[in-house]
Amino acid sequence: MKQLLACCLILSALSLNAQTGSIEMSTGGFSFIPAFTSKEPNLIINAGTNPKKRLTGHLMYMMRLKSMTPTTVALFTRYRFIDKKFKATIGIHMPAFQMTEDYQVTSFFGRELTLSYPVNAKWNVGSFILNGNARNTDFKVTLVSGNANYHVKKWNFFSQGYYLSVGDLTGVAETISYDINKHFQAKAFGNYTLTDGKVITTVGLKYNL
């Protein structure tokens, strides 16, 4: 029954009238908060509307590969209110659901602000702020991060430093990707939390539709 429900959710995600999408097999999960990235293998599905539009919608679905149970189902909407060389985008997570292996569900309502500026053809700098709270617990979180993105040929390096209100944590994270061809991309992620010395690493293979 659990496997059937998981498969139905995957098919539903793939059947959306999406204009962009990807499927990724990873040794870990994904989180907008680097310190919360899962260490267990996941299948990650993303689907979204045209990213060139000011108003966009996105769906993210994650599933544990070991038990074939959902990890996260999240729906986002974003609006780019400054769309010049400097870009500013606000977003709402409405909401994001997280599930344990026995299907206990918690939901999270979030608000985000993304700023970005291209320094030149290879470098882009920016920041990301996420503030949110759980709808059925007293969990609240604020993430403030600064980032730099370096792209050269088939390589992309995304570096970030962040502060997290939960546990008063500070950390750094790095995502490295390599475009194998038009559709396939190899990825590696690493996070180091300076406050408690926690290390998280994942590798994955992503297929862009």
C-alpha atoms as a PDB file:
ATOM      1  CA  MET A   1       0.000   0.000   0.000  1.00  0.00           C
ATOM      2  CA  LYS A   2       2.799   2.410   0.867  1.00  0.00           C
ATOM      3  CA  GLN A   3       4.625   1.621  -2.366  1.00  0.00           C
ATOM      4  CA  LEU A   4       1.405   2.130  -4.345  1.00  0.00           C
ATOM      5  CA  LEU A   5       0.810   5.544  -2.766  1.00  0.00           C
ATOM      6  CA  ALA A   6       4.402   6.574  -3.463  1.00  0.00           C
ATOM      7  CA  CYS A   7       4.126   5.540  -7.107  1.00  0.00           C
ATOM      8  CA  CYS A   8       0.836   7.444  -7.481  1.00  0.00           C
ATOM      9  CA  LEU A   9       2.456  10.606  -6.151  1.00  0.00           C
ATOM     10  CA  ILE A  10       5.359  10.241  -8.590  1.00  0.00           C
ATOM     11  CA  LEU A  11       3.030   9.755 -11.547  1.00  0.00           C
ATOM     12  CA  SER A  12       0.989  12.768 -10.461  1.00  0.00           C
ATOM     13  CA  ALA A  13       4.114  14.909 -10.338  1.00  0.00           C
ATOM     14  CA  LEU A  14       5.247  13.760 -13.773  1.00  0.00           C
ATOM     15  CA  SER A  15       1.820  14.347 -15.296  1.00  0.00           C
ATOM     16  CA  LEU A  16       1.735  18.037 -14.390  1.00  0.00           C
ATOM     17  CA  ASN A  17       1.758  20.428 -17.310  1.00  0.00           C
ATOM     18  CA  ALA A  18       5.266  21.514 -16.380  1.00  0.00           C
ATOM     19  CA  GLN A  19       7.599  23.501 -18.612  1.00  0.00           C
ATOM     20  CA  THR A  20      10.718  22.560 -16.663  1.00  0.00           C
ATOM     21  CA  GLY A  21      11.489  19.454 -14.660  1.00  0.00           C
ATOM     22  CA  SER A  22      14.136  17.080 -13.357  1.00  0.00           C
ATOM     23  CA  ILE A  23      14.558  13.685 -11.710  1.00  0.00           C
ATOM     24  CA  GLU A  24      17.534  13.080  -9.405  1.00  0.00           C
ATOM     25  CA  MET A  25      18.880   9.986  -7.676  1.00  0.00           C
ATOM     26  CA  SER A  26      20.918  11.052  -4.641  1.00  0.00           C
ATOM     27  CA  THR A  27      22.689   9.506  -1.677  1.00  0.00           C
ATOM     28  CA  GLY A  28      20.921  12.164   0.405  1.00  0.00           C
ATOM     29  CA  GLY A  29      18.003  14.535   0.208  1.00  0.00           C
ATOM     30  CA  PHE A  30      17.631  18.251  -0.445  1.00  0.00           C
ATOM     31  CA  SER A  31      16.756  21.128   1.853  1.00  0.00           C
ATOM     32  CA  PHE A  32      16.782  24.900   1.418  1.00  0.00           C
ATOM     33  CA  ILE A  33      18.406  24.810   4.867  1.00  0.00           C
ATOM     34  CA  PRO A  34      21.766  23.062   4.265  1.00  0.00           C
ATOM     35  CA  ALA A  35      22.068  21.830   7.866  1.00  0.00           C
ATOM     36  CA  PHE A  36      18.743  19.962   7.500  1.00  0.00           C
ATOM     37  CA  THR A  37      19.782  17.935   4.433  1.00  0.00           C
ATOM     38  CA  SER A  38      18.916  14.254   4.819  1.00  0.00           C
ATOM     39  CA  LYS A  39      21.693  11.662   4.737  1.00  0.00           C
ATOM     40  CA  GLU A  40      19.473   8.832   3.475  1.00  0.00           C
ATOM     41  CA  PRO A  41      19.182   8.057  -0.278  1.00  0.00           C
ATOM     42  CA  ASN A  42      16.317   9.864  -1.993  1.00  0.00           C
ATOM     43  CA  LEU A  43      14.636  10.236  -5.347  1.00  0.00           C
ATOM     44  CA  ILE A  44      14.020  13.943  -5.975  1.00  0.00           C
ATOM     45  CA  ILE A  45      11.495  15.165  -8.550  1.00  0.00           C
ATOM     46  CA  ASN A  46      11.094  18.828  -9.507  1.00  0.00           C
ATOM     47  CA  ALA A  47       8.546  20.360 -11.873  1.00  0.00           C
ATOM     48  CA  GLY A  48       7.840  23.992 -12.626  1.00  0.00           C
ATOM     49  CA  THR A  49       6.444  26.610 -14.948  1.00  0.00           C
ATOM     50  CA  ASN A  50       8.506  28.777 -17.293  1.00  0.00           C
ATOM     51  CA  PRO A  51      11.342  30.303 -15.172  1.00  0.00           C
ATOM     52  CA  LYS A  52      11.545  33.316 -17.508  1.00  0.00           C
ATOM     53  CA  LYS A  53       8.127  34.510 -16.369  1.00  0.00           C
ATOM     54  CA  ARG A  54       7.800  36.872 -13.396  1.00  0.00           C
ATOM     55  CA  LEU A  55       5.275  34.597 -11.657  1.00  0.00           C
ATOM     56  CA  THR A  56       6.193  30.916 -11.414  1.00  0.00           C
ATOM     57  CA  GLY A  57       5.000  27.771  -9.686  1.00  0.00           C
ATOM     58  CA  HIS A  58       7.078  24.776  -8.571  1.00  0.00           C
ATOM     59  CA  LEU A  59       6.505  21.318  -7.152  1.00  0.00           C
ATOM     60  CA  MET A  60       9.147  19.244  -5.339  1.00  0.00           C
ATOM     61  CA  TYR A  61       8.626  15.613  -4.351  1.00  0.00           C
ATOM     62  CA  MET A  62      11.193  13.515  -2.461  1.00  0.00           C
ATOM     63  CA  MET A  63      10.959   9.800  -1.730  1.00  0.00           C
ATOM     64  CA  ARG A  64      13.141   7.491   0.358  1.00  0.00           C
ATOM     65  CA  LEU A  65      14.703   4.870  -1.904  1.00  0.00           C
ATOM     66  CA  LYS A  66      15.056   2.290   0.877  1.00  0.00           C
ATOM     67  CA  SER A  67      11.395   2.141   1.922  1.00  0.00           C
ATOM     68  CA  MET A  68       9.737   3.868  -1.080  1.00  0.00           C
ATOM     69  CA  THR A  69       7.938   6.227   1.320  1.00  0.00           C
ATOM     70  CA  PRO A  70       7.567   9.991   0.698  1.00  0.00           C
ATOM     71  CA  THR A  71       9.980  12.342   2.451  1.00  0.00           C
ATOM     72  CA  THR A  72       8.796  15.781   1.341  1.00  0.00           C
ATOM     73  CA  VAL A  73       6.063  17.211  -0.855  1.00  0.00           C
ATOM     74  CA  ALA A  74       6.337  20.964  -1.355  1.00  0.00           C
ATOM     75  CA  LEU A  75       4.536  23.508  -3.501  1.00  0.00           C
ATOM     76  CA  PHE A  76       6.068  26.945  -4.087  1.00  0.00           C
ATOM     77  CA  THR A  77       4.970  30.064  -5.866  1.00  0.00           C
ATOM     78  CA  ARG A  78       7.434  32.874  -6.611  1.00  0.00           C
ATOM     79  CA  TYR A  79       7.195  36.394  -8.036  1.00  0.00           C
ATOM     80  CA  ARG A  80      10.172  38.353  -9.407  1.00  0.00           C
ATOM     81  CA  PHE A  81       9.337  41.953  -8.473  1.00  0.00           C
ATOM     82  CA  ILE A  82      12.663  43.393  -9.689  1.00  0.00           C
ATOM     83  CA  ASP A  83      13.664  41.996 -13.080  1.00  0.00           C
ATOM     84  CA  LYS A  84      16.620  43.984 -14.310  1.00  0.00           C
ATOM     85  CA  LYS A  85      20.314  43.104 -14.060  1.00  0.00           C
ATOM     86  CA  PHE A  86      19.714  42.987 -10.318  1.00  0.00           C
ATOM     87  CA  LYS A  87      16.891  40.572  -9.565  1.00  0.00           C
ATOM     88  CA  ALA A  88      14.702  40.204  -6.482  1.00  0.00           C
ATOM     89  CA  THR A  89      12.139  37.444  -5.970  1.00  0.00           C
ATOM     90  CA  ILE A  90       9.672  36.729  -3.183  1.00  0.00           C
ATOM     91  CA  GLY A  91       8.193  33.298  -2.630  1.00  0.00           C
ATOM     92  CA  ILE A  92       5.697  31.382  -0.534  1.00  0.00           C
ATOM     93  CA  HIS A  93       5.810  27.714   0.474  1.00  0.00           C
ATOM     94  CA  MET A  94       2.130  26.833   0.663  1.00  0.00           C
ATOM     95  CA  PRO A  95       2.872  24.651   2.494  1.00  0.00           C
ATOM     96  CA  ALA A  96       5.623  22.034   2.511  1.00  0.00           C
ATOM     97  CA  PHE A  97       4.807  18.610   3.965  1.00  0.00           C
ATOM     98  CA  GLN A  98       7.351  16.295   5.584  1.00  0.00           C
ATOM     99  CA  MET A  99       6.595  12.656   6.344  1.00  0.00           C
ATOM    100  CA  THR A 100       8.174   9.980   8.516  1.00  0.00           C
ATOM    101  CA  GLU A 101       8.356   6.391   7.279  1.00  0.00           C
ATOM    102  CA  ASP A 102       5.162   5.560   9.210  1.00  0.00           C
ATOM    103  CA  TYR A 103       3.382   8.505   7.515  1.00  0.00           C
ATOM    104  CA  GLN A 104       3.292  10.964  10.402  1.00  0.00           C
ATOM    105  CA  VAL A 105       2.979  14.328   8.678  1.00  0.00           C
ATOM    106  CA  THR A 106       4.167  17.790   9.645  1.00  0.00           C
ATOM    107  CA  SER A 107       3.549  20.857   7.501  1.00  0.00           C
ATOM    108  CA  PHE A 108       5.634  24.009   7.120  1.00  0.00           C
ATOM    109  CA  PHE A 109       4.521  27.416   5.834  1.00  0.00           C
ATOM    110  CA  GLY A 110       7.444  29.538   4.626  1.00  0.00           C
ATOM    111  CA  ARG A 111       8.233  32.912   3.123  1.00  0.00           C
ATOM    112  CA  GLU A 112      11.414  33.572   1.154  1.00  0.00           C
ATOM    113  CA  LEU A 113      13.349  36.429  -0.435  1.00  0.00           C
ATOM    114  CA  THR A 114      16.014  35.820  -3.101  1.00  0.00           C
ATOM    115  CA  LEU A 115      18.412  38.499  -4.383  1.00  0.00           C
ATOM    116  CA  SER A 116      20.928  38.014  -7.195  1.00  0.00           C
ATOM    117  CA  TYR A 117      23.357  40.110  -9.214  1.00  0.00           C
ATOM    118  CA  PRO A 118      25.617  38.971 -12.099  1.00  0.00           C
ATOM    119  CA  VAL A 119      29.113  40.375 -11.554  1.00  0.00           C
ATOM    120  CA  ASN A 120      30.222  39.094 -14.967  1.00  0.00           C
ATOM    121  CA  ALA A 121      29.601  36.158 -17.314  1.00  0.00           C
ATOM    122  CA  LYS A 122      31.062  33.661 -14.814  1.00  0.00           C
ATOM    123  CA  TRP A 123      30.206  35.086 -11.379  1.00  0.00           C
ATOM    124  CA  ASN A 124      26.866  35.728  -9.733  1.00  0.00           C
ATOM    125  CA  VAL A 125      26.405  36.832  -6.115  1.00  0.00           C
ATOM    126  CA  GLY A 126      23.277  36.929  -4.035  1.00  0.00           C
ATOM    127  CA  SER A 127      21.461  36.198  -0.813  1.00  0.00           C
ATOM    128  CA  PHE A 128      18.556  34.061   0.376  1.00  0.00           C
ATOM    129  CA  ILE A 129      16.306  34.601   3.392  1.00  0.00           C
ATOM    130  CA  LEU A 130      13.770  32.018   4.555  1.00  0.00           C
ATOM    131  CA  ASN A 131      11.371  32.523   7.435  1.00  0.00           C
ATOM    132  CA  GLY A 132       8.699  30.071   8.408  1.00  0.00           C
ATOM    133  CA  ASN A 133       6.867  28.055  10.973  1.00  0.00           C
ATOM    134  CA  ALA A 134       5.253  24.638  11.286  1.00  0.00           C
ATOM    135  CA  ARG A 135       1.480  24.584  11.200  1.00  0.00           C
ATOM    136  CA  ASN A 136       1.004  21.756  13.727  1.00  0.00           C
ATOM    137  CA  THR A 137       3.984  22.249  16.068  1.00  0.00           C
ATOM    138  CA  ASP A 138       5.733  25.242  17.665  1.00  0.00           C
ATOM    139  CA  PHE A 139       8.733  24.941  15.285  1.00  0.00           C
ATOM    140  CA  LYS A 140       9.937  28.282  13.866  1.00  0.00           C
ATOM    141  CA  VAL A 141      13.014  29.000  11.762  1.00  0.00           C
ATOM    142  CA  THR A 142      14.850  31.862  10.070  1.00  0.00           C
ATOM    143  CA  LEU A 143      17.668  31.266   7.607  1.00  0.00           C
ATOM    144  CA  VAL A 144      19.885  34.098   6.329  1.00  0.00           C
ATOM    145  CA  SER A 145      22.512  33.201   3.728  1.00  0.00           C
ATOM    146  CA  GLY A 146      24.909  34.830   1.297  1.00  0.00           C
ATOM    147  CA  ASN A 147      26.084  33.010  -1.800  1.00  0.00           C
ATOM    148  CA  ALA A 148      28.376  33.123  -4.816  1.00  0.00           C
ATOM    149  CA  ASN A 149      27.902  31.123  -7.996  1.00  0.00           C
ATOM    150  CA  TYR A 150      30.789  30.437 -10.399  1.00  0.00           C
ATOM    151  CA  HIS A 151      30.065  28.865 -13.784  1.00  0.00           C
ATOM    152  CA  VAL A 152      32.729  27.906 -16.314  1.00  0.00           C
ATOM    153  CA  LYS A 153      32.197  25.603 -19.288  1.00  0.00           C
ATOM    154  CA  LYS A 154      30.412  22.483 -17.945  1.00  0.00           C
ATOM    155  CA  TRP A 155      31.223  23.177 -14.268  1.00  0.00           C
ATOM    156  CA  ASN A 156      29.167  25.065 -11.717  1.00  0.00           C
ATOM    157  CA  PHE A 157      30.194  25.913  -8.137  1.00  0.00           C
ATOM    158  CA  PHE A 158      27.597  27.281  -5.712  1.00  0.00           C
ATOM    159  CA  SER A 159      29.067  28.418  -2.376  1.00  0.00           C
ATOM    160  CA  GLN A 160      27.098  29.727   0.572  1.00  0.00           C
ATOM    161  CA  GLY A 161      27.520  30.830   4.140  1.00  0.00           C
ATOM    162  CA  TYR A 162      24.499  30.973   6.422  1.00  0.00           C
ATOM    163  CA  TYR A 163      23.040  31.653   9.842  1.00  0.00           C
ATOM    164  CA  LEU A 164      20.193  29.517  11.193  1.00  0.00           C
ATOM    165  CA  SER A 165      18.056  30.612  14.123  1.00  0.00           C
ATOM    166  CA  VAL A 166      17.374  27.013  15.214  1.00  0.00           C
ATOM    167  CA  GLY A 167      20.250  26.169  17.542  1.00  0.00           C
ATOM    168  CA  ASP A 168      21.868  29.520  16.686  1.00  0.00           C
ATOM    169  CA  LEU A 169      23.900  27.738  13.984  1.00  0.00           C
ATOM    170  CA  THR A 170      26.335  29.110  11.421  1.00  0.00           C
ATOM    171  CA  GLY A 171      27.630  27.041   8.530  1.00  0.00           C
ATOM    172  CA  VAL A 172      29.053  26.853   5.025  1.00  0.00           C
ATOM    173  CA  ALA A 173      27.923  24.682   2.131  1.00  0.00           C
ATOM    174  CA  GLU A 174      29.129  23.887  -1.376  1.00  0.00           C
ATOM    175  CA  THR A 175      27.301  22.390  -4.344  1.00  0.00           C
ATOM    176  CA  ILE A 176      29.364  21.292  -7.351  1.00  0.00           C
ATOM    177  CA  SER A 177      27.738  20.162 -10.575  1.00  0.00           C
ATOM    178  CA  TYR A 178      29.063  18.963 -13.928  1.00  0.00           C
ATOM    179  CA  ASP A 179      26.989  18.848 -17.126  1.00  0.00           C
ATOM    180  CA  ILE A 180      27.659  15.435 -18.649  1.00  0.00           C
ATOM    181  CA  ASN A 181      25.475  16.251 -21.650  1.00  0.00           C
ATOM    182  CA  LYS A 182      22.272  18.132 -22.512  1.00  0.00           C
ATOM    183  CA  HIS A 183      20.187  16.113 -20.050  1.00  0.00           C
ATOM    184  CA  PHE A 184      22.443  14.480 -17.453  1.00  0.00           C
ATOM    185  CA  GLN A 185      24.240  16.283 -14.643  1.00  0.00           C
ATOM    186  CA  ALA A 186      26.489  14.909 -11.887  1.00  0.00           C
ATOM    187  CA  LYS A 187      26.224  16.652  -8.507  1.00  0.00           C
ATOM    188  CA  ALA A 188      28.064  16.731  -5.190  1.00  0.00           C
ATOM    189  CA  PHE A 189      27.007  18.589  -2.041  1.00  0.00           C
ATOM    190  CA  GLY A 190      28.819  19.256   1.215  1.00  0.00           C
ATOM    191  CA  ASN A 191      27.783  21.094   4.379  1.00  0.00           C
ATOM    192  CA  TYR A 192      29.853  21.974   7.421  1.00  0.00           C
ATOM    193  CA  THR A 193      28.141  23.503  10.437  1.00  0.00           C
ATOM    194  CA  LEU A 194      30.736  25.656  12.187  1.00  0.00           C
ATOM    195  CA  THR A 195      28.831  25.764  15.466  1.00  0.00           C
ATOM    196  CA  ASP A 196      28.750  22.015  16.148  1.00  0.00           C
ATOM    197  CA  GLY A 197      31.131  20.547  13.560  1.00  0.00           C
ATOM    198  CA  LYS A 198      28.391  18.591  11.787  1.00  0.00           C
ATOM    199  CA  VAL A 199      29.298  17.367   8.279  1.00  0.00           C
ATOM    200  CA  ILE A 200      26.843  16.279   5.582  1.00  0.00           C
ATOM    201  CA  THR A 201      27.869  15.061   2.106  1.00  0.00           C
ATOM    202  CA  THR A 202      25.792  13.751  -0.795  1.00  0.00           C
ATOM    203  CA  VAL A 203      26.357  12.831  -4.440  1.00  0.00           C
ATOM    204  CA  GLY A 204      23.736  12.438  -7.113  1.00  0.00           C
ATOM    205  CA  LEU A 205      22.879  12.034 -10.783  1.00  0.00           C
ATOM    206  CA  LYS A 206      20.256  14.411 -12.191  1.00  0.00           C
ATOM    207  CA  TYR A 207      18.240  14.115 -15.385  1.00  0.00           C
ATOM    208  CA  ASN A 208      16.818  17.349 -16.755  1.00  0.00           C
ATOM    209  CA  LEU A 209      13.705  16.904 -18.883  1.00  0.00           C
END
